[in-house]
Protein backbone atom coordinates (compact mmCIF):
# COMPACT_ATOMS: atom_id res chain seq x y z
CA MET A 1 -31.13 -19.94 5.86
CA ASP A 2 -28.31 -17.71 4.62
CA THR A 3 -26.08 -16.96 7.61
CA PRO A 4 -23.11 -14.57 7.65
CA GLU A 5 -20.86 -17.62 7.86
CA ASN A 6 -22.44 -19.13 4.71
CA ALA A 7 -22.08 -15.79 2.90
CA ARG A 8 -18.36 -15.64 3.80
CA THR A 9 -17.80 -19.25 2.71
CA ASP A 10 -19.55 -18.53 -0.59
CA ARG A 11 -17.54 -15.33 -1.10
CA ASN A 12 -14.24 -17.15 -0.37
CA ARG A 13 -15.18 -19.89 -2.83
CA ARG A 14 -15.92 -17.30 -5.54
CA MET A 15 -12.61 -15.59 -4.78
CA LEU A 16 -10.73 -18.85 -5.18
CA GLU A 17 -12.53 -19.57 -8.50
CA SER A 18 -11.53 -16.11 -9.74
CA TRP A 19 -7.93 -16.73 -8.73
CA ARG A 20 -7.88 -20.06 -10.56
CA ARG A 21 -9.31 -18.38 -13.70
CA GLY A 22 -6.36 -15.96 -13.66
CA ALA A 23 -7.69 -12.86 -11.86
CA SER A 24 -5.11 -10.92 -9.90
CA ILE A 25 -5.29 -10.46 -6.16
CA THR A 26 -5.85 -6.74 -6.78
CA GLU A 27 -8.83 -7.44 -9.02
CA ILE A 28 -10.32 -9.92 -6.54
CA ALA A 29 -9.81 -7.54 -3.59
CA ARG A 30 -11.47 -4.67 -5.52
CA GLU A 31 -14.39 -6.86 -6.57
CA HIS A 32 -15.10 -7.92 -2.98
CA GLY A 33 -14.21 -4.64 -1.24
CA LEU A 34 -11.31 -6.17 0.73
CA SER A 35 -7.71 -5.16 1.35
CA LEU A 36 -4.93 -6.87 -0.61
CA SER A 37 -3.46 -8.48 2.50
CA TRP A 38 -6.83 -9.82 3.72
CA THR A 39 -7.66 -11.13 0.24
CA GLY A 40 -4.32 -12.93 0.11
CA ARG A 41 -4.89 -14.42 3.54
CA LEU A 42 -8.36 -15.68 2.63
CA LEU A 43 -7.13 -17.17 -0.65
CA ARG A 44 -4.31 -18.97 1.16
CA GLN A 45 -6.82 -20.34 3.69
CA GLU A 46 -8.82 -21.69 0.77
CA GLY A 47 -5.74 -23.48 -0.58
CA ALA A 48 -4.48 -21.07 -3.22
CA VAL A 49 -0.74 -21.07 -3.79
CA LEU A 50 0.20 -17.42 -4.00
CA PRO A 51 3.58 -15.71 -4.54
CA GLU A 52 5.57 -15.14 -1.37
CA ILE A 53 4.70 -12.03 0.63
CA ARG A 54 6.98 -9.13 -0.16
CA ARG A 55 7.32 -5.66 1.26
CA GLY A 56 5.55 -3.72 -1.47
CA VAL A 57 6.53 -3.00 -5.02
CA ARG A 58 9.80 -1.24 -5.73
CA ARG A 59 9.37 1.46 -8.29
CA LYS A 60 11.28 4.46 -9.50
CA LEU A 61 9.68 7.75 -8.48
CA ASP A 62 10.87 11.14 -9.66
CA THR A 63 12.03 12.24 -6.18
CA ALA A 64 13.28 15.66 -7.23
CA ARG A 65 10.00 16.48 -8.97
CA ILE A 66 7.89 15.30 -6.02
CA VAL A 67 9.98 17.39 -3.60
CA ARG A 68 9.67 20.47 -5.88
CA GLU A 69 5.88 20.03 -6.24
CA TYR A 70 5.39 19.54 -2.49
CA GLU A 71 7.54 22.57 -1.65
CA ALA A 72 5.49 24.57 -4.18
CA GLY A 73 2.36 23.73 -2.20
CA ALA A 74 0.98 20.50 -3.69
CA PRO A 75 -0.77 18.35 -1.08
CA MET A 76 0.60 14.85 -0.41
CA GLN A 77 -2.68 13.24 -1.47
CA HIS A 78 -2.49 15.04 -4.81
CA LEU A 79 1.14 13.93 -5.31
CA ALA A 80 0.21 10.35 -4.47
CA ALA A 81 -2.49 10.37 -7.13
CA GLN A 82 -0.28 12.09 -9.71
CA HIS A 83 2.61 9.68 -9.25
CA SER A 84 0.54 6.47 -8.76
CA ALA A 85 1.87 5.96 -5.24
CA SER A 86 0.31 5.78 -1.81
CA TYR A 87 0.14 8.70 0.57
CA GLY A 88 2.51 6.82 2.90
CA THR A 89 5.07 6.31 0.15
CA ILE A 90 5.04 10.02 -0.70
CA ARG A 91 5.34 10.98 2.98
CA ARG A 92 8.27 8.58 3.55
CA LEU A 93 10.00 9.87 0.43
CA LEU A 94 9.65 13.51 1.61
CA LEU A 95 10.88 12.63 5.11
CA ARG A 96 13.84 10.72 3.68
CA GLU A 97 14.70 13.84 1.66
CA ASN A 98 14.54 15.93 4.86
CA VAL A 99 11.63 18.00 3.59
CA LYS A 100 9.75 19.93 6.29
CA ILE A 101 6.24 18.43 6.40
CA ARG A 102 3.37 20.91 6.60
CA PRO A 103 0.75 20.42 9.32
CA HIS A 104 -2.47 18.64 8.42
CA GLY A 105 -5.12 20.98 7.03
CA GLY A 106 -2.86 22.76 4.56
CA GLN A 107 -1.86 26.39 4.66
CA ASN A 108 -4.75 27.42 6.90
CA ALA A 109 -3.91 24.97 9.71
CA GLY A 110 -1.38 27.29 11.38
CA GLY A 111 -3.90 30.08 11.69
CA ARG A 112 -6.56 28.10 13.46
CA ARG A 113 -7.36 28.86 17.07
CA THR A 114 -9.33 26.84 19.56
CA PRO A 115 -12.09 28.61 21.55
CA ASP A 116 -10.01 28.46 24.73
CA SER A 117 -6.76 29.76 23.22
CA PRO A 118 -5.42 32.99 24.86
CA ASP A 119 -5.61 35.11 21.70
CA SER A 120 -9.09 34.05 20.53
CA PRO A 121 -11.73 36.79 20.73
CA ALA A 122 -13.97 36.67 23.76
CA GLY A 123 -17.45 35.49 22.84
């Protein structure tokens, strides 16, 4: 009988085989629908010798351009996709540059009212 435990063991074995054939952790994680950190942890548990854990990849981003685009109205998610970075990286970069972060929901967020707000029309 195929139990969840057997399925996990089989998946982990396939992941280790992929690693030994030269697949990257990113490729293995994507194939199995797992995060990079969890994939690395599972591979280590299976005996794989992986590079030491680092705090992300350092890369050069065009900070001035990102700030200009954000201040011109580009959403952070769009900037992240355009510059091949994560949403968190873009947000941290903007905060580090002392850029005023817009509220969630874009330009319309400030105009929203809740049903119990004092200036909402009586229903």
